[in-house]
C-alpha atoms as a PDB file:
ATOM      1  CA  UNK A   1       1.984  10.658 -18.568  1.00  0.00           C
ATOM      2  CA  UNK A   2       0.337  11.967 -15.400  1.00  0.00           C
ATOM      3  CA  UNK A   3      -0.432   9.152 -12.958  1.00  0.00           C
ATOM      4  CA  UNK A   4      -3.776   9.698 -11.210  1.00  0.00           C
ATOM      5  CA  UNK A   5      -2.315   8.906  -7.787  1.00  0.00           C
ATOM      6  CA  UNK A   6      -0.077  11.962  -7.940  1.00  0.00           C
ATOM      7  CA  UNK A   7      -2.418  14.509  -9.516  1.00  0.00           C
ATOM      8  CA  UNK A   8      -3.166  16.090  -6.124  1.00  0.00           C
ATOM      9  CA  UNK A   9      -1.109  16.379  -2.960  1.00  0.00           C
ATOM     10  CA  UNK A  10      -0.793  15.211  -0.319  1.00  0.00           C
ATOM     11  CA  UNK A  11      -1.427  11.545  -1.109  1.00  0.00           C
ATOM     12  CA  UNK A  12      -3.329   9.947   1.773  1.00  0.00           C
ATOM     13  CA  UNK A  13      -3.967   6.212   1.526  1.00  0.00           C
ATOM     14  CA  UNK A  14      -5.870   4.098   4.059  1.00  0.00           C
ATOM     15  CA  UNK A  15      -4.930   0.405   4.041  1.00  0.00           C
ATOM     16  CA  UNK A  16      -7.965  -1.873   4.124  1.00  0.00           C
ATOM     17  CA  UNK A  17      -6.451  -5.090   5.452  1.00  0.00           C
ATOM     18  CA  UNK A  18      -8.121  -8.350   4.496  1.00  0.00           C
ATOM     19  CA  UNK A  19      -8.045 -11.375   6.789  1.00  0.00           C
ATOM     20  CA  UNK A  20      -5.494 -14.005   5.736  1.00  0.00           C
ATOM     21  CA  UNK A  21      -7.477 -15.981   3.136  1.00  0.00           C
ATOM     22  CA  UNK A  22      -5.634 -19.220   3.935  1.00  0.00           C
ATOM     23  CA  UNK A  23      -6.756 -19.001   7.565  1.00  0.00           C
ATOM     24  CA  UNK A  24     -10.312 -17.835   6.935  1.00  0.00           C
ATOM     25  CA  UNK A  25     -11.704 -20.279   4.421  1.00  0.00           C
ATOM     26  CA  UNK A  26     -14.753 -20.681   6.675  1.00  0.00           C
ATOM     27  CA  UNK A  27     -15.879 -17.199   5.638  1.00  0.00           C
ATOM     28  CA  UNK A  28     -18.310 -16.767   2.765  1.00  0.00           C
ATOM     29  CA  UNK A  29     -17.736 -14.467  -0.167  1.00  0.00           C
ATOM     30  CA  UNK A  30     -20.752 -12.490   1.068  1.00  0.00           C
ATOM     31  CA  UNK A  31     -18.930 -11.870   4.394  1.00  0.00           C
ATOM     32  CA  UNK A  32     -15.888 -10.493   2.561  1.00  0.00           C
ATOM     33  CA  UNK A  33     -18.144  -8.291   0.440  1.00  0.00           C
ATOM     34  CA  UNK A  34     -19.868  -6.848   3.518  1.00  0.00           C
ATOM     35  CA  UNK A  35     -16.485  -6.321   5.162  1.00  0.00           C
ATOM     36  CA  UNK A  36     -14.853  -4.391   2.324  1.00  0.00           C
ATOM     37  CA  UNK A  37     -17.902  -2.252   1.563  1.00  0.00           C
ATOM     38  CA  UNK A  38     -18.563  -1.392   5.215  1.00  0.00           C
ATOM     39  CA  UNK A  39     -15.013  -0.214   5.782  1.00  0.00           C
ATOM     40  CA  UNK A  40     -14.507   1.393   2.366  1.00  0.00           C
ATOM     41  CA  UNK A  41     -17.570   3.537   3.075  1.00  0.00           C
ATOM     42  CA  UNK A  42     -16.110   4.580   6.437  1.00  0.00           C
ATOM     43  CA  UNK A  43     -13.007   5.842   4.665  1.00  0.00           C
ATOM     44  CA  UNK A  44     -14.950   7.551   1.903  1.00  0.00           C
ATOM     45  CA  UNK A  45     -17.326   9.293   4.311  1.00  0.00           C
ATOM     46  CA  UNK A  46     -14.346  10.644   6.263  1.00  0.00           C
ATOM     47  CA  UNK A  47     -12.913  12.154   3.086  1.00  0.00           C
ATOM     48  CA  UNK A  48      -9.970   9.794   2.671  1.00  0.00           C
ATOM     49  CA  UNK A  49      -9.249   9.882  -1.079  1.00  0.00           C
ATOM     50  CA  UNK A  50      -7.435   6.559  -1.563  1.00  0.00           C
ATOM     51  CA  UNK A  51      -7.601   3.055  -0.141  1.00  0.00           C
ATOM     52  CA  UNK A  52      -5.259   0.133  -0.589  1.00  0.00           C
ATOM     53  CA  UNK A  53      -6.964  -3.271  -0.615  1.00  0.00           C
ATOM     54  CA  UNK A  54      -4.398  -5.421   1.157  1.00  0.00           C
ATOM     55  CA  UNK A  55      -4.192  -9.191   0.898  1.00  0.00           C
ATOM     56  CA  UNK A  56      -2.353 -10.580   3.925  1.00  0.00           C
ATOM     57  CA  UNK A  57      -2.146 -14.229   2.883  1.00  0.00           C
ATOM     58  CA  UNK A  58       1.366 -15.422   3.689  1.00  0.00           C
ATOM     59  CA  UNK A  59       2.721 -17.119   0.584  1.00  0.00           C
ATOM     60  CA  UNK A  60       6.406 -17.537  -0.228  1.00  0.00           C
ATOM     61  CA  UNK A  61       5.888 -17.901  -3.977  1.00  0.00           C
ATOM     62  CA  UNK A  62       3.123 -17.024  -6.405  1.00  0.00           C
ATOM     63  CA  UNK A  63      -0.276 -15.969  -5.118  1.00  0.00           C
ATOM     64  CA  UNK A  64      -2.925 -18.682  -4.955  1.00  0.00           C
ATOM     65  CA  UNK A  65      -5.678 -18.698  -7.551  1.00  0.00           C
ATOM     66  CA  UNK A  66      -8.393 -18.118  -4.936  1.00  0.00           C
ATOM     67  CA  UNK A  67      -6.502 -15.054  -3.689  1.00  0.00           C
ATOM     68  CA  UNK A  68      -6.524 -13.616  -7.208  1.00  0.00           C
ATOM     69  CA  UNK A  69     -10.223 -14.368  -7.642  1.00  0.00           C
ATOM     70  CA  UNK A  70     -11.242 -12.853  -4.306  1.00  0.00           C
ATOM     71  CA  UNK A  71      -9.084  -9.751  -4.649  1.00  0.00           C
ATOM     72  CA  UNK A  72     -10.308  -9.073  -8.170  1.00  0.00           C
ATOM     73  CA  UNK A  73     -13.947  -9.579  -7.231  1.00  0.00           C
ATOM     74  CA  UNK A  74     -13.716  -7.418  -4.115  1.00  0.00           C
ATOM     75  CA  UNK A  75     -11.814  -4.692  -5.930  1.00  0.00           C
ATOM     76  CA  UNK A  76     -14.468  -4.531  -8.646  1.00  0.00           C
ATOM     77  CA  UNK A  77     -17.156  -4.341  -5.960  1.00  0.00           C
ATOM     78  CA  UNK A  78     -15.471  -1.358  -4.295  1.00  0.00           C
ATOM     79  CA  UNK A  79     -15.156   0.360  -7.661  1.00  0.00           C
ATOM     80  CA  UNK A  80     -18.863  -0.145  -8.359  1.00  0.00           C
ATOM     81  CA  UNK A  81     -20.280   0.687  -4.932  1.00  0.00           C
ATOM     82  CA  UNK A  82     -17.845   3.368  -3.677  1.00  0.00           C
ATOM     83  CA  UNK A  83     -16.787   4.982  -6.964  1.00  0.00           C
ATOM     84  CA  UNK A  84     -15.350   8.119  -5.392  1.00  0.00           C
ATOM     85  CA  UNK A  85     -12.491   6.214  -3.786  1.00  0.00           C
ATOM     86  CA  UNK A  86      -9.176   5.774  -5.540  1.00  0.00           C
ATOM     87  CA  UNK A  87      -8.023   2.161  -5.307  1.00  0.00           C
ATOM     88  CA  UNK A  88      -4.704   0.397  -4.892  1.00  0.00           C
ATOM     89  CA  UNK A  89      -3.748  -3.258  -4.565  1.00  0.00           C
ATOM     90  CA  UNK A  90      -1.146  -5.110  -2.515  1.00  0.00           C
ATOM     91  CA  UNK A  91      -0.746  -8.885  -2.557  1.00  0.00           C
ATOM     92  CA  UNK A  92       1.646 -10.133   0.097  1.00  0.00           C
ATOM     93  CA  UNK A  93       2.999 -12.972  -2.058  1.00  0.00           C
ATOM     94  CA  UNK A  94       6.261 -11.982  -3.722  1.00  0.00           C
ATOM     95  CA  UNK A  95       4.409 -11.970  -7.020  1.00  0.00           C
ATOM     96  CA  UNK A  96       4.328  -8.786  -9.119  1.00  0.00           C
ATOM     97  CA  UNK A  97       2.242 -10.432 -11.835  1.00  0.00           C
ATOM     98  CA  UNK A  98      -0.543 -11.093  -9.320  1.00  0.00           C
ATOM     99  CA  UNK A  99      -0.695  -7.550  -7.948  1.00  0.00           C
ATOM    100  CA  UNK A 100      -0.607  -5.894 -11.354  1.00  0.00           C
ATOM    101  CA  UNK A 101      -3.076  -8.346 -12.891  1.00  0.00           C
ATOM    102  CA  UNK A 102      -5.578  -7.704 -10.098  1.00  0.00           C
ATOM    103  CA  UNK A 103      -5.022  -3.957 -10.479  1.00  0.00           C
ATOM    104  CA  UNK A 104      -5.662  -4.300 -14.205  1.00  0.00           C
ATOM    105  CA  UNK A 105      -8.842  -6.339 -13.664  1.00  0.00           C
ATOM    106  CA  UNK A 106     -10.233  -3.948 -11.049  1.00  0.00           C
ATOM    107  CA  UNK A 107      -9.248  -0.686 -12.706  1.00  0.00           C
ATOM    108  CA  UNK A 108      -7.039   0.139  -9.710  1.00  0.00           C
ATOM    109  CA  UNK A 109      -4.758   3.156  -9.792  1.00  0.00           C
ATOM    110  CA  UNK A 110      -1.654   1.743  -8.119  1.00  0.00           C
ATOM    111  CA  UNK A 111       0.075  -1.273  -6.601  1.00  0.00           C
ATOM    112  CA  UNK A 112       2.462  -1.525  -3.669  1.00  0.00           C
ATOM    113  CA  UNK A 113       5.402  -3.918  -4.011  1.00  0.00           C
ATOM    114  CA  UNK A 114       7.496  -4.599  -0.925  1.00  0.00           C
ATOM    115  CA  UNK A 115      10.723  -6.101  -2.304  1.00  0.00           C
ATOM    116  CA  UNK A 116      11.302  -4.175  -5.503  1.00  0.00           C
ATOM    117  CA  UNK A 117      15.094  -4.197  -5.750  1.00  0.00           C
ATOM    118  CA  UNK A 118      17.860  -6.146  -4.041  1.00  0.00           C
ATOM    119  CA  UNK A 119      16.876  -8.867  -1.622  1.00  0.00           C
ATOM    120  CA  UNK A 120      15.378  -9.128   1.849  1.00  0.00           C
ATOM    121  CA  UNK A 121      15.131 -11.691   4.602  1.00  0.00           C
ATOM    122  CA  UNK A 122      11.548 -11.820   5.796  1.00  0.00           C
ATOM    123  CA  UNK A 123       9.751 -13.836   8.448  1.00  0.00           C
ATOM    124  CA  UNK A 124       8.877 -16.290   5.654  1.00  0.00           C
ATOM    125  CA  UNK A 125      12.441 -16.558   4.334  1.00  0.00           C
ATOM    126  CA  UNK A 126      14.409 -14.720   1.655  1.00  0.00           C
ATOM    127  CA  UNK A 127      12.728 -12.734  -1.100  1.00  0.00           C
ATOM    128  CA  UNK A 128      14.366 -11.152  -4.101  1.00  0.00           C
ATOM    129  CA  UNK A 129      13.710  -8.014  -6.114  1.00  0.00           C
ATOM    130  CA  UNK A 130      10.732  -8.144  -8.430  1.00  0.00           C
ATOM    131  CA  UNK A 131      11.055  -4.713 -10.021  1.00  0.00           C
ATOM    132  CA  UNK A 132      12.105  -5.795 -13.490  1.00  0.00           C
ATOM    133  CA  UNK A 133       9.320  -8.415 -13.667  1.00  0.00           C
ATOM    134  CA  UNK A 134       6.779  -5.862 -12.459  1.00  0.00           C
ATOM    135  CA  UNK A 135       7.710  -3.214 -15.001  1.00  0.00           C
ATOM    136  CA  UNK A 136       7.728  -5.799 -17.798  1.00  0.00           C
ATOM    137  CA  UNK A 137       4.291  -7.156 -16.848  1.00  0.00           C
ATOM    138  CA  UNK A 138       2.830  -3.667 -16.617  1.00  0.00           C
ATOM    139  CA  UNK A 139       4.061  -3.070 -20.172  1.00  0.00           C
ATOM    140  CA  UNK A 140       2.545  -6.373 -21.308  1.00  0.00           C
ATOM    141  CA  UNK A 141      -0.804  -5.312 -19.852  1.00  0.00           C
ATOM    142  CA  UNK A 142      -0.530  -1.964 -21.631  1.00  0.00           C
ATOM    143  CA  UNK A 143      -1.231  -0.184 -18.323  1.00  0.00           C
ATOM    144  CA  UNK A 144       1.458   2.462 -17.777  1.00  0.00           C
ATOM    145  CA  UNK A 145      -1.201   4.364 -15.822  1.00  0.00           C
ATOM    146  CA  UNK A 146      -0.966   1.916 -12.898  1.00  0.00           C
ATOM    147  CA  UNK A 147       1.503   3.559 -10.515  1.00  0.00           C
ATOM    148  CA  UNK A 148       4.078   1.336  -8.820  1.00  0.00           C
ATOM    149  CA  UNK A 149       4.860   2.215  -5.200  1.00  0.00           C
ATOM    150  CA  UNK A 150       8.017   0.431  -4.054  1.00  0.00           C
ATOM    151  CA  UNK A 151       9.113  -0.072  -0.475  1.00  0.00           C
ATOM    152  CA  UNK A 152      12.816   0.550   0.007  1.00  0.00           C
ATOM    153  CA  UNK A 153      14.233  -1.492   2.904  1.00  0.00           C
ATOM    154  CA  UNK A 154      10.808  -2.294   4.348  1.00  0.00           C
ATOM    155  CA  UNK A 155      10.939  -2.246   8.151  1.00  0.00           C
ATOM    156  CA  UNK A 156       9.436  -5.737   8.447  1.00  0.00           C
ATOM    157  CA  UNK A 157      12.464  -7.296   6.724  1.00  0.00           C
ATOM    158  CA  UNK A 158      16.265  -7.059   6.656  1.00  0.00           C
ATOM    159  CA  UNK A 159      18.298  -6.385   3.500  1.00  0.00           C
ATOM    160  CA  UNK A 160      20.387  -9.309   2.272  1.00  0.00           C
ATOM    161  CA  UNK A 161      23.141  -6.958   1.081  1.00  0.00           C
ATOM    162  CA  UNK A 162      24.807  -3.888   2.504  1.00  0.00           C
ATOM    163  CA  UNK A 163      23.757  -1.119   0.099  1.00  0.00           C
ATOM    164  CA  UNK A 164      22.550   2.048   1.820  1.00  0.00           C
ATOM    165  CA  UNK A 165      18.872   2.972   1.713  1.00  0.00           C
ATOM    166  CA  UNK A 166      19.515   6.008  -0.550  1.00  0.00           C
ATOM    167  CA  UNK A 167      21.503   3.764  -2.919  1.00  0.00           C
ATOM    168  CA  UNK A 168      18.655   1.208  -2.983  1.00  0.00           C
ATOM    169  CA  UNK A 169      16.141   4.015  -3.565  1.00  0.00           C
ATOM    170  CA  UNK A 170      18.133   5.113  -6.596  1.00  0.00           C
ATOM    171  CA  UNK A 171      18.060   1.520  -7.849  1.00  0.00           C
ATOM    172  CA  UNK A 172      14.273   1.438  -7.436  1.00  0.00           C
ATOM    173  CA  UNK A 173      13.808   4.687  -9.352  1.00  0.00           C
ATOM    174  CA  UNK A 174      16.000   3.491 -12.210  1.00  0.00           C
ATOM    175  CA  UNK A 175      14.192   0.133 -12.423  1.00  0.00           C
ATOM    176  CA  UNK A 176      10.861   1.913 -12.745  1.00  0.00           C
ATOM    177  CA  UNK A 177       9.209   2.703  -9.408  1.00  0.00           C
ATOM    178  CA  UNK A 178       6.924   5.725  -9.658  1.00  0.00           C
ATOM    179  CA  UNK A 179       6.922   6.371  -5.911  1.00  0.00           C
ATOM    180  CA  UNK A 180       9.072   5.229  -2.997  1.00  0.00           C
ATOM    181  CA  UNK A 181       7.815   4.112   0.411  1.00  0.00           C
ATOM    182  CA  UNK A 182      10.105   4.753   3.359  1.00  0.00           C
ATOM    183  CA  UNK A 183       9.341   3.524   6.874  1.00  0.00           C
ATOM    184  CA  UNK A 184      11.850   3.554   9.705  1.00  0.00           C
ATOM    185  CA  UNK A 185      11.885   1.823  13.068  1.00  0.00           C
ATOM    186  CA  UNK A 186      10.229   4.880  14.638  1.00  0.00           C
ATOM    187  CA  UNK A 187       8.637   8.078  13.386  1.00  0.00           C
ATOM    188  CA  UNK A 188      11.759  10.221  13.979  1.00  0.00           C
ATOM    189  CA  UNK A 189      13.829   7.558  12.226  1.00  0.00           C
ATOM    190  CA  UNK A 190      11.432   7.669   9.264  1.00  0.00           C
ATOM    191  CA  UNK A 191      11.777  11.451   8.935  1.00  0.00           C
ATOM    192  CA  UNK A 192      15.580  11.195   9.046  1.00  0.00           C
ATOM    193  CA  UNK A 193      15.602   8.451   6.413  1.00  0.00           C
ATOM    194  CA  UNK A 194      13.358  10.451   4.092  1.00  0.00           C
ATOM    195  CA  UNK A 195      15.797  13.339   4.190  1.00  0.00           C
ATOM    196  CA  UNK A 196      18.650  11.126   3.032  1.00  0.00           C
ATOM    197  CA  UNK A 197      16.573   9.438   0.319  1.00  0.00           C
ATOM    198  CA  UNK A 198      15.238  12.776  -0.944  1.00  0.00           C
ATOM    199  CA  UNK A 199      18.789  13.989  -1.571  1.00  0.00           C
ATOM    200  CA  UNK A 200      19.629  10.831  -3.513  1.00  0.00           C
ATOM    201  CA  UNK A 201      16.382  10.633  -5.503  1.00  0.00           C
ATOM    202  CA  UNK A 202      14.864  14.108  -5.831  1.00  0.00           C
ATOM    203  CA  UNK A 203      12.628  13.180  -8.766  1.00  0.00           C
ATOM    204  CA  UNK A 204      10.363  10.608  -7.107  1.00  0.00           C
ATOM    205  CA  UNK A 205       7.432  10.988  -4.762  1.00  0.00           C
ATOM    206  CA  UNK A 206       8.162   9.662  -1.263  1.00  0.00           C
ATOM    207  CA  UNK A 207       5.438   8.246   0.971  1.00  0.00           C
ATOM    208  CA  UNK A 208       5.595   7.142   4.605  1.00  0.00           C
ATOM    209  CA  UNK A 209       4.441   3.540   4.949  1.00  0.00           C
ATOM    210  CA  UNK A 210       3.567   3.380   8.655  1.00  0.00           C
ATOM    211  CA  UNK A 211       3.676   5.018  12.055  1.00  0.00           C
ATOM    212  CA  UNK A 212       1.597   8.062  11.068  1.00  0.00           C
ATOM    213  CA  UNK A 213      -1.077   9.260  13.506  1.00  0.00           C
ATOM    214  CA  UNK A 214      -3.421  12.191  13.994  1.00  0.00           C
ATOM    215  CA  UNK A 215      -0.782  13.745  16.228  1.00  0.00           C
ATOM    216  CA  UNK A 216       2.143  13.555  13.800  1.00  0.00           C
ATOM    217  CA  UNK A 217       0.488  13.699  10.374  1.00  0.00           C
ATOM    218  CA  UNK A 218       1.270  17.404  10.012  1.00  0.00           C
ATOM    219  CA  UNK A 219       4.978  16.697  10.517  1.00  0.00           C
ATOM    220  CA  UNK A 220       4.743  13.661   8.226  1.00  0.00           C
ATOM    221  CA  UNK A 221       3.248  15.654   5.367  1.00  0.00           C
ATOM    222  CA  UNK A 222       5.819  18.365   5.804  1.00  0.00           C
ATOM    223  CA  UNK A 223       8.568  15.837   5.116  1.00  0.00           C
ATOM    224  CA  UNK A 224       6.906  13.558   2.564  1.00  0.00           C
ATOM    225  CA  UNK A 225       4.525  13.592  -0.392  1.00  0.00           C
ATOM    226  CA  UNK A 226       1.991  11.379   1.314  1.00  0.00           C
ATOM    227  CA  UNK A 227       1.228   8.744   3.916  1.00  0.00           C
ATOM    228  CA  UNK A 228      -0.239   5.277   4.238  1.00  0.00           C
ATOM    229  CA  UNK A 229      -2.248   4.789   7.423  1.00  0.00           C
ATOM    230  CA  UNK A 230      -4.315   2.003   8.936  1.00  0.00           C
ATOM    231  CA  UNK A 231      -3.702   0.911  12.537  1.00  0.00           C
ATOM    232  CA  UNK A 232      -4.048   4.457  13.901  1.00  0.00           C
ATOM    233  CA  UNK A 233      -7.596   4.582  12.510  1.00  0.00           C
ATOM    234  CA  UNK A 234      -8.858   1.225  13.782  1.00  0.00           C
ATOM    235  CA  UNK A 235     -11.660   0.836  16.302  1.00  0.00           C
ATOM    236  CA  UNK A 236     -10.436   0.057  19.798  1.00  0.00           C
ATOM    237  CA  UNK A 237     -10.712  -3.673  20.421  1.00  0.00           C
ATOM    238  CA  UNK A 238     -11.709  -4.526  16.840  1.00  0.00           C
ATOM    239  CA  UNK A 239     -10.430  -7.793  15.429  1.00  0.00           C
ATOM    240  CA  UNK A 240     -10.709  -9.797  12.219  1.00  0.00           C
ATOM    241  CA  UNK A 241     -14.095 -11.203  13.215  1.00  0.00           C
ATOM    242  CA  UNK A 242     -15.654  -7.735  13.171  1.00  0.00           C
ATOM    243  CA  UNK A 243     -17.252  -6.469   9.980  1.00  0.00           C
ATOM    244  CA  UNK A 244     -16.534  -2.871  11.052  1.00  0.00           C
ATOM    245  CA  UNK A 245     -12.826  -2.470  11.868  1.00  0.00           C
ATOM    246  CA  UNK A 246     -12.106   1.213  11.224  1.00  0.00           C
ATOM    247  CA  UNK A 247     -13.411   4.115  13.295  1.00  0.00           C
ATOM    248  CA  UNK A 248     -15.183   6.848  11.351  1.00  0.00           C
ATOM    249  CA  UNK A 249     -14.516   9.512  13.979  1.00  0.00           C
ATOM    250  CA  UNK A 250     -10.776   8.715  14.050  1.00  0.00           C
ATOM    251  CA  UNK A 251     -10.704   8.858  10.251  1.00  0.00           C
ATOM    252  CA  UNK A 252     -12.395  12.272  10.193  1.00  0.00           C
ATOM    253  CA  UNK A 253     -10.050  13.658  12.851  1.00  0.00           C
ATOM    254  CA  UNK A 254      -7.070  12.333  10.946  1.00  0.00           C
ATOM    255  CA  UNK A 255      -8.223  14.039   7.764  1.00  0.00           C
ATOM    256  CA  UNK A 256      -8.903  17.282   9.649  1.00  0.00           C
ATOM    257  CA  UNK A 257      -5.329  17.200  10.977  1.00  0.00           C
ATOM    258  CA  UNK A 258      -3.992  16.414   7.510  1.00  0.00           C
ATOM    259  CA  UNK A 259      -6.027  19.261   6.016  1.00  0.00           C
ATOM    260  CA  UNK A 260      -4.683  21.680   8.589  1.00  0.00           C
ATOM    261  CA  UNK A 261      -1.153  20.686   7.564  1.00  0.00           C
END
C-alpha cells in the first residue's frame, strides 16, 4: 500500500509545538485553537506540505486523558480549517497507543515515535522500545495507512545498550517502521550517520529530525528523503505566550531553498 506521506518527495514537515499541557492549565481551549490555527495557516501559506502537531507534556508513562482530548480536538480542527495540510501526531509520553489513537481520531497521516526499538535513557528516566505495541495497535485500529516514523538513537537520549545505529535501524525496519529519523549531534554528524544507516537499511525512507536550516536544506535533501524543521522557522523572540510563533517569511524562504534543491 502507498502511504500518503511518501507519495511525493522530498518530505518536508514543520513541527507545530504545543505548550506543555501540564504547565499551561490556565489556558483556555479557545487559546489553543487560536494558536494551532494561526500557526498552521502560516505553514500552509508558505507552501509547507506537512505539519506535525507535537505534544510536549512530559509524562513517563501513558499520556493523560486531557492530553488525548486536546490533541484529538486540535487535530480535527486543523483538518477542518486548513484541509490542504498533511498532518502528523507526536505525543511525548512513551505511549504508542495514545499517538496512534489520536492519529486515527484526527485522520492524521503519520505518527512519530521516539523510542521504537531497544531502550534509551532520557531526561525523565529510562524508556523502552514501543515498536511491537505500536504496530499491533495500528493493526487493531485497521489503519495501515498511518505511517510510523521511528527515531533511531534520538539525540536527546542515550541508548541503554551498545548496538550500532545502523544495527538499531535494521531492528526498527524489521519491527515495522515505515520511515527512519536520524539526527546527529551536529549537521555534519547527521549526514555521516545517514550514510551508514542507508547502507544498512536501503529500503526505508530516511528523514532528518533536526538541525536543518535555510542554509543547509539543499545539502540535507541531497542526503535524505525529507526533513523535519521547526526552530529555524520561529519568529525571533517568540515564546509560548505568543499566539504567533512561526515566521511566514522564514517559512517561505526555507521552501524556496528546498525547491531549488
